[in-house]
Amino acid sequence: MDWTLELVTVPVSDIDRAKAFYIDQLGFNLDVDHRAGESFRVVQATPHGSACSIAFGTMAQDSAGSMKGLHLVVADIEAARAELVERKIEVSELFHFTAGGQTPGPDPQRAKYNTFCSFKDPDGNVWLVQEVNRSKT
């Protein structure tokens, strides 16, 4: 049986501000912006090429900004970082992990799953961008 991850809820404090960030600035596809009366609203958005979406709205149970470490996976980390910079998103420099912990710069061998950059949404939710397909190993 396949178990498919469909949706991750991102806790935000301002739905319109989050929608502007994820749709207009980050470039996610808007799937739905649904309201049921004055007290319920949910926005669902999907990154280009992803089968999994994010949702935010009045249904969030966690504190805004409490999500840490959700990953977006890309084939070319330099191009992804450049696109984030072009979209005026404050993004970290590239880094990788060694036995000593987080280390500046890309993985020297470009090992799969070991080169990253990160950014935060307006509420402080932390996203990691991870390179996967460019590895020589």
N, C-alpha and C. Protein backbone atom coordinates (compact mmCIF):
# COMPACT_ATOMS: atom_id res chain seq x y z
N MET A 1 0.84 -1.17 0.00
CA MET A 1 0.00 0.00 0.00
C MET A 1 0.89 1.24 0.00
N ASP A 2 0.56 2.20 -0.83
CA ASP A 2 1.25 3.49 -0.85
C ASP A 2 0.68 4.40 0.23
N TRP A 3 1.55 5.10 0.92
CA TRP A 3 1.15 6.12 1.90
C TRP A 3 1.70 7.44 1.39
N THR A 4 0.83 8.31 0.95
CA THR A 4 1.24 9.54 0.30
C THR A 4 1.00 10.73 1.23
N LEU A 5 2.04 11.53 1.43
CA LEU A 5 1.89 12.76 2.20
C LEU A 5 1.19 13.78 1.32
N GLU A 6 0.07 14.29 1.77
CA GLU A 6 -0.77 15.17 0.97
C GLU A 6 -0.69 16.64 1.38
N LEU A 7 -0.67 16.89 2.70
CA LEU A 7 -0.84 18.26 3.17
C LEU A 7 -0.11 18.47 4.49
N VAL A 8 0.53 19.62 4.62
CA VAL A 8 1.18 20.03 5.86
C VAL A 8 0.59 21.38 6.26
N THR A 9 0.16 21.50 7.50
CA THR A 9 -0.39 22.75 7.99
C THR A 9 0.73 23.64 8.51
N VAL A 10 0.76 24.87 8.04
CA VAL A 10 1.77 25.86 8.44
C VAL A 10 1.07 26.90 9.32
N PRO A 11 1.50 27.04 10.57
CA PRO A 11 0.84 28.00 11.47
C PRO A 11 1.27 29.44 11.18
N VAL A 12 0.30 30.30 10.91
CA VAL A 12 0.57 31.70 10.59
C VAL A 12 -0.35 32.60 11.42
N SER A 13 0.04 33.86 11.57
CA SER A 13 -0.76 34.81 12.34
C SER A 13 -1.65 35.69 11.46
N ASP A 14 -1.29 35.85 10.21
CA ASP A 14 -2.02 36.73 9.30
C ASP A 14 -2.17 35.99 7.96
N ILE A 15 -3.38 35.54 7.67
CA ILE A 15 -3.63 34.71 6.49
C ILE A 15 -3.32 35.47 5.21
N ASP A 16 -3.73 36.71 5.10
CA ASP A 16 -3.47 37.47 3.87
C ASP A 16 -1.98 37.71 3.65
N ARG A 17 -1.26 38.02 4.72
CA ARG A 17 0.19 38.21 4.60
C ARG A 17 0.87 36.91 4.20
N ALA A 18 0.46 35.79 4.79
CA ALA A 18 1.03 34.49 4.44
C ALA A 18 0.71 34.14 2.99
N LYS A 19 -0.51 34.43 2.56
CA LYS A 19 -0.89 34.15 1.17
C LYS A 19 -0.03 34.96 0.21
N ALA A 20 0.18 36.22 0.50
CA ALA A 20 1.03 37.06 -0.35
C ALA A 20 2.45 36.51 -0.41
N PHE A 21 2.98 36.04 0.73
CA PHE A 21 4.33 35.49 0.75
C PHE A 21 4.40 34.20 -0.06
N TYR A 22 3.56 33.23 0.25
CA TYR A 22 3.68 31.92 -0.38
C TYR A 22 3.26 31.92 -1.85
N ILE A 23 2.26 32.70 -2.21
CA ILE A 23 1.77 32.71 -3.60
C ILE A 23 2.52 33.75 -4.43
N ASP A 24 2.45 34.99 -4.02
CA ASP A 24 3.00 36.08 -4.83
C ASP A 24 4.52 36.15 -4.79
N GLN A 25 5.10 35.96 -3.61
CA GLN A 25 6.55 36.12 -3.49
C GLN A 25 7.29 34.81 -3.73
N LEU A 26 6.89 33.74 -3.06
CA LEU A 26 7.60 32.46 -3.20
C LEU A 26 7.21 31.73 -4.48
N GLY A 27 6.00 31.98 -4.99
CA GLY A 27 5.60 31.40 -6.27
C GLY A 27 4.88 30.07 -6.20
N PHE A 28 4.37 29.70 -5.01
CA PHE A 28 3.58 28.47 -4.93
C PHE A 28 2.29 28.65 -5.72
N ASN A 29 1.72 27.54 -6.19
CA ASN A 29 0.43 27.56 -6.88
C ASN A 29 -0.69 27.66 -5.85
N LEU A 30 -1.64 28.55 -6.07
CA LEU A 30 -2.81 28.64 -5.20
C LEU A 30 -3.79 27.55 -5.59
N ASP A 31 -4.08 26.64 -4.67
CA ASP A 31 -5.05 25.57 -4.93
C ASP A 31 -6.45 26.00 -4.53
N VAL A 32 -6.56 26.60 -3.36
CA VAL A 32 -7.88 27.02 -2.88
C VAL A 32 -7.72 28.11 -1.82
N ASP A 33 -8.66 29.02 -1.80
CA ASP A 33 -8.80 30.00 -0.72
C ASP A 33 -10.28 29.95 -0.35
N HIS A 34 -10.59 29.17 0.67
CA HIS A 34 -11.98 28.86 1.02
C HIS A 34 -12.38 29.53 2.33
N ARG A 35 -13.55 30.16 2.29
CA ARG A 35 -14.13 30.75 3.49
C ARG A 35 -15.49 30.10 3.75
N ALA A 36 -15.76 29.88 5.02
CA ALA A 36 -17.08 29.41 5.44
C ALA A 36 -17.53 30.36 6.55
N GLY A 37 -18.24 31.38 6.16
CA GLY A 37 -18.65 32.39 7.12
C GLY A 37 -17.49 33.30 7.49
N GLU A 38 -17.64 34.01 8.59
CA GLU A 38 -16.63 34.96 9.03
C GLU A 38 -15.52 34.32 9.84
N SER A 39 -15.75 33.11 10.37
CA SER A 39 -14.79 32.55 11.33
C SER A 39 -13.90 31.44 10.78
N PHE A 40 -14.13 31.00 9.53
CA PHE A 40 -13.31 29.91 9.00
C PHE A 40 -12.75 30.29 7.63
N ARG A 41 -11.44 30.11 7.49
CA ARG A 41 -10.77 30.32 6.20
C ARG A 41 -9.58 29.39 6.12
N VAL A 42 -9.41 28.78 4.96
CA VAL A 42 -8.24 27.93 4.72
C VAL A 42 -7.70 28.25 3.33
N VAL A 43 -6.38 28.40 3.25
CA VAL A 43 -5.69 28.60 1.99
C VAL A 43 -4.78 27.39 1.79
N GLN A 44 -4.87 26.79 0.61
CA GLN A 44 -4.00 25.66 0.28
C GLN A 44 -3.16 26.04 -0.92
N ALA A 45 -1.85 25.74 -0.84
CA ALA A 45 -0.92 26.10 -1.91
C ALA A 45 0.07 24.96 -2.11
N THR A 46 0.56 24.83 -3.35
CA THR A 46 1.47 23.74 -3.68
C THR A 46 2.71 24.29 -4.38
N PRO A 47 3.90 23.89 -3.91
CA PRO A 47 5.12 24.27 -4.63
C PRO A 47 5.13 23.65 -6.02
N HIS A 48 5.70 24.34 -7.00
CA HIS A 48 5.80 23.80 -8.36
C HIS A 48 6.49 22.45 -8.33
N GLY A 49 5.88 21.46 -8.99
CA GLY A 49 6.47 20.13 -9.09
C GLY A 49 6.23 19.23 -7.90
N SER A 50 5.53 19.71 -6.89
CA SER A 50 5.31 18.92 -5.68
C SER A 50 3.95 18.24 -5.69
N ALA A 51 3.88 17.07 -5.08
CA ALA A 51 2.60 16.39 -4.90
C ALA A 51 2.01 16.73 -3.53
N CYS A 52 2.78 17.36 -2.68
CA CYS A 52 2.34 17.71 -1.33
C CYS A 52 2.11 19.22 -1.25
N SER A 53 1.05 19.59 -0.57
CA SER A 53 0.68 21.00 -0.43
C SER A 53 0.86 21.47 1.00
N ILE A 54 0.78 22.78 1.17
CA ILE A 54 0.69 23.36 2.50
C ILE A 54 -0.68 23.99 2.64
N ALA A 55 -1.13 24.14 3.88
CA ALA A 55 -2.38 24.83 4.16
C ALA A 55 -2.15 25.72 5.37
N PHE A 56 -2.82 26.86 5.37
CA PHE A 56 -2.79 27.74 6.53
C PHE A 56 -4.13 28.43 6.61
N GLY A 57 -4.49 28.83 7.80
CA GLY A 57 -5.77 29.48 7.99
C GLY A 57 -6.17 29.46 9.44
N THR A 58 -7.48 29.55 9.65
CA THR A 58 -8.00 29.63 11.01
C THR A 58 -7.97 28.29 11.73
N MET A 59 -7.69 27.20 11.03
CA MET A 59 -7.71 25.87 11.63
C MET A 59 -6.41 25.49 12.32
N ALA A 60 -5.37 26.28 12.18
CA ALA A 60 -4.06 25.94 12.75
C ALA A 60 -4.14 25.83 14.27
N GLN A 61 -3.51 24.79 14.80
CA GLN A 61 -3.50 24.55 16.24
C GLN A 61 -2.21 25.04 16.90
N ASP A 62 -1.11 25.07 16.15
CA ASP A 62 0.19 25.46 16.70
C ASP A 62 0.37 26.98 16.64
N SER A 63 1.32 27.47 17.40
CA SER A 63 1.62 28.90 17.41
C SER A 63 2.26 29.32 16.09
N ALA A 64 1.89 30.50 15.61
CA ALA A 64 2.49 31.03 14.39
C ALA A 64 4.00 31.07 14.53
N GLY A 65 4.69 30.61 13.50
CA GLY A 65 6.15 30.62 13.50
C GLY A 65 6.79 29.42 14.17
N SER A 66 6.00 28.46 14.60
CA SER A 66 6.56 27.32 15.35
C SER A 66 7.05 26.17 14.47
N MET A 67 6.77 26.21 13.17
CA MET A 67 7.21 25.14 12.29
C MET A 67 8.69 25.34 11.96
N LYS A 68 9.46 24.28 12.11
CA LYS A 68 10.90 24.35 11.84
C LYS A 68 11.31 23.16 10.98
N GLY A 69 12.01 23.42 9.88
CA GLY A 69 12.66 22.34 9.15
C GLY A 69 11.86 21.62 8.10
N LEU A 70 10.78 22.19 7.60
CA LEU A 70 10.12 21.57 6.47
C LEU A 70 11.03 21.74 5.25
N HIS A 71 11.19 20.68 4.46
CA HIS A 71 12.16 20.68 3.35
C HIS A 71 11.49 20.87 1.99
N LEU A 72 12.09 21.69 1.18
CA LEU A 72 11.82 21.74 -0.25
C LEU A 72 13.05 21.14 -0.92
N VAL A 73 12.85 20.21 -1.85
CA VAL A 73 13.96 19.51 -2.49
C VAL A 73 14.11 20.01 -3.92
N VAL A 74 15.36 20.31 -4.30
CA VAL A 74 15.66 20.83 -5.63
C VAL A 74 16.83 20.07 -6.23
N ALA A 75 16.95 20.14 -7.56
CA ALA A 75 18.06 19.50 -8.26
C ALA A 75 19.30 20.39 -8.30
N ASP A 76 19.11 21.71 -8.24
CA ASP A 76 20.23 22.65 -8.34
C ASP A 76 20.09 23.71 -7.26
N ILE A 77 20.83 23.57 -6.20
CA ILE A 77 20.71 24.45 -5.04
C ILE A 77 21.13 25.88 -5.35
N GLU A 78 22.15 26.06 -6.20
CA GLU A 78 22.57 27.42 -6.54
C GLU A 78 21.47 28.16 -7.30
N ALA A 79 20.84 27.48 -8.25
CA ALA A 79 19.75 28.09 -9.01
C ALA A 79 18.56 28.39 -8.10
N ALA A 80 18.26 27.47 -7.20
CA ALA A 80 17.14 27.68 -6.27
C ALA A 80 17.40 28.88 -5.37
N ARG A 81 18.61 28.96 -4.83
CA ARG A 81 18.95 30.09 -3.96
C ARG A 81 18.89 31.41 -4.74
N ALA A 82 19.40 31.40 -5.97
CA ALA A 82 19.36 32.61 -6.80
C ALA A 82 17.92 33.04 -7.06
N GLU A 83 17.03 32.08 -7.28
CA GLU A 83 15.62 32.40 -7.49
C GLU A 83 15.00 33.01 -6.24
N LEU A 84 15.32 32.47 -5.07
CA LEU A 84 14.81 33.04 -3.83
C LEU A 84 15.30 34.48 -3.65
N VAL A 85 16.56 34.72 -3.93
CA VAL A 85 17.12 36.07 -3.83
C VAL A 85 16.40 37.00 -4.81
N GLU A 86 16.20 36.52 -6.03
CA GLU A 86 15.49 37.32 -7.05
C GLU A 86 14.07 37.65 -6.61
N ARG A 87 13.45 36.74 -5.88
CA ARG A 87 12.09 36.96 -5.38
C ARG A 87 12.08 37.79 -4.09
N LYS A 88 13.24 38.31 -3.72
CA LYS A 88 13.40 39.18 -2.55
C LYS A 88 13.07 38.46 -1.24
N ILE A 89 13.46 37.19 -1.18
CA ILE A 89 13.31 36.41 0.04
C ILE A 89 14.68 36.35 0.71
N GLU A 90 14.72 36.67 1.99
CA GLU A 90 15.97 36.61 2.74
C GLU A 90 16.33 35.14 2.94
N VAL A 91 17.43 34.73 2.33
CA VAL A 91 17.83 33.32 2.34
C VAL A 91 19.27 33.20 2.83
N SER A 92 19.55 32.11 3.53
CA SER A 92 20.90 31.89 4.04
C SER A 92 21.87 31.59 2.91
N GLU A 93 23.13 31.63 3.23
CA GLU A 93 24.15 31.11 2.32
C GLU A 93 24.03 29.59 2.31
N LEU A 94 24.68 28.95 1.35
CA LEU A 94 24.68 27.49 1.30
C LEU A 94 25.46 26.93 2.48
N PHE A 95 25.02 25.76 2.95
CA PHE A 95 25.74 25.07 4.02
C PHE A 95 25.55 23.56 3.86
N HIS A 96 26.40 22.82 4.56
CA HIS A 96 26.30 21.35 4.58
C HIS A 96 26.67 20.88 5.98
N PHE A 97 26.56 19.58 6.19
CA PHE A 97 26.85 19.03 7.51
C PHE A 97 28.05 18.11 7.46
N THR A 98 28.88 18.23 8.49
CA THR A 98 30.04 17.36 8.67
C THR A 98 29.94 16.78 10.08
N ALA A 99 30.92 15.99 10.46
CA ALA A 99 30.95 15.44 11.82
C ALA A 99 30.96 16.55 12.86
N GLY A 100 31.47 17.72 12.48
CA GLY A 100 31.52 18.86 13.38
C GLY A 100 30.26 19.70 13.39
N GLY A 101 29.26 19.34 12.60
CA GLY A 101 28.01 20.09 12.56
C GLY A 101 27.84 20.86 11.27
N GLN A 102 27.02 21.92 11.32
CA GLN A 102 26.74 22.73 10.13
C GLN A 102 28.00 23.47 9.71
N THR A 103 28.31 23.40 8.39
CA THR A 103 29.54 23.97 7.85
C THR A 103 29.19 24.84 6.65
N PRO A 104 29.78 26.04 6.53
CA PRO A 104 29.49 26.91 5.39
C PRO A 104 29.86 26.28 4.05
N GLY A 105 29.09 26.64 3.02
CA GLY A 105 29.37 26.21 1.65
C GLY A 105 28.71 24.89 1.30
N PRO A 106 28.70 24.57 0.00
CA PRO A 106 28.11 23.30 -0.44
C PRO A 106 28.99 22.12 -0.02
N ASP A 107 28.39 20.95 0.02
CA ASP A 107 29.16 19.74 0.31
C ASP A 107 30.25 19.60 -0.75
N PRO A 108 31.52 19.43 -0.36
CA PRO A 108 32.62 19.37 -1.34
C PRO A 108 32.47 18.26 -2.37
N GLN A 109 31.88 17.14 -1.99
CA GLN A 109 31.68 16.03 -2.93
C GLN A 109 30.28 16.06 -3.55
N ARG A 110 29.50 17.06 -3.20
CA ARG A 110 28.12 17.19 -3.64
C ARG A 110 27.34 15.91 -3.34
N ALA A 111 27.58 15.35 -2.16
CA ALA A 111 26.87 14.14 -1.73
C ALA A 111 25.37 14.41 -1.69
N LYS A 112 24.61 13.43 -2.09
CA LYS A 112 23.15 13.57 -2.07
C LYS A 112 22.66 13.96 -0.69
N TYR A 113 21.68 14.83 -0.66
CA TYR A 113 21.00 15.23 0.56
C TYR A 113 21.87 16.03 1.53
N ASN A 114 22.97 16.64 1.10
CA ASN A 114 23.84 17.29 2.08
C ASN A 114 24.23 18.72 1.74
N THR A 115 23.51 19.40 0.84
CA THR A 115 23.73 20.83 0.65
C THR A 115 22.39 21.54 0.81
N PHE A 116 22.40 22.62 1.60
CA PHE A 116 21.16 23.29 2.00
C PHE A 116 21.30 24.81 1.93
N CYS A 117 20.16 25.47 1.94
CA CYS A 117 20.03 26.86 2.35
C CYS A 117 18.70 26.93 3.09
N SER A 118 18.44 28.04 3.75
CA SER A 118 17.20 28.13 4.51
C SER A 118 16.61 29.53 4.41
N PHE A 119 15.31 29.61 4.68
CA PHE A 119 14.63 30.89 4.73
C PHE A 119 13.47 30.78 5.71
N LYS A 120 12.91 31.93 6.07
CA LYS A 120 11.77 31.98 6.98
C LYS A 120 10.62 32.71 6.30
N ASP A 121 9.40 32.31 6.64
CA ASP A 121 8.25 33.07 6.18
C ASP A 121 8.06 34.26 7.12
N PRO A 122 7.09 35.15 6.85
CA PRO A 122 6.93 36.34 7.68
C PRO A 122 6.67 36.06 9.16
N ASP A 123 6.16 34.87 9.49
CA ASP A 123 5.92 34.52 10.89
C ASP A 123 7.12 33.85 11.55
N GLY A 124 8.15 33.52 10.78
CA GLY A 124 9.32 32.87 11.34
C GLY A 124 9.34 31.36 11.18
N ASN A 125 8.38 30.79 10.44
CA ASN A 125 8.44 29.36 10.12
C ASN A 125 9.67 29.12 9.26
N VAL A 126 10.47 28.11 9.61
CA VAL A 126 11.76 27.88 8.96
C VAL A 126 11.64 26.78 7.90
N TRP A 127 12.08 27.10 6.70
CA TRP A 127 12.12 26.16 5.58
C TRP A 127 13.57 25.87 5.22
N LEU A 128 13.86 24.61 4.91
CA LEU A 128 15.16 24.22 4.37
C LEU A 128 14.99 23.88 2.90
N VAL A 129 15.91 24.32 2.08
CA VAL A 129 15.97 23.92 0.68
C VAL A 129 17.15 22.97 0.58
N GLN A 130 16.90 21.78 0.05
CA GLN A 130 17.90 20.71 0.05
C GLN A 130 18.16 20.24 -1.37
N GLU A 131 19.44 20.15 -1.74
CA GLU A 131 19.81 19.64 -3.06
C GLU A 131 19.86 18.11 -3.01
N VAL A 132 19.26 17.48 -4.03
CA VAL A 132 19.24 16.02 -4.06
C VAL A 132 19.87 15.46 -5.32
N ASN A 133 19.51 15.89 -6.50
CA ASN A 133 19.84 15.18 -7.74
C ASN A 133 21.18 15.51 -8.37
N ARG A 134 21.93 16.47 -7.85
CA ARG A 134 23.14 16.90 -8.52
C ARG A 134 24.38 16.15 -8.06
N SER A 135 24.22 15.22 -7.17
CA SER A 135 25.34 14.52 -6.54
C SER A 135 26.10 13.63 -7.51
N LYS A 136 27.40 13.49 -7.24
CA LYS A 136 28.24 12.56 -7.99
C LYS A 136 28.28 11.21 -7.31
N THR A 137 27.77 11.11 -6.07
CA THR A 137 27.81 9.85 -5.33
C THR A 137 26.43 9.24 -5.21
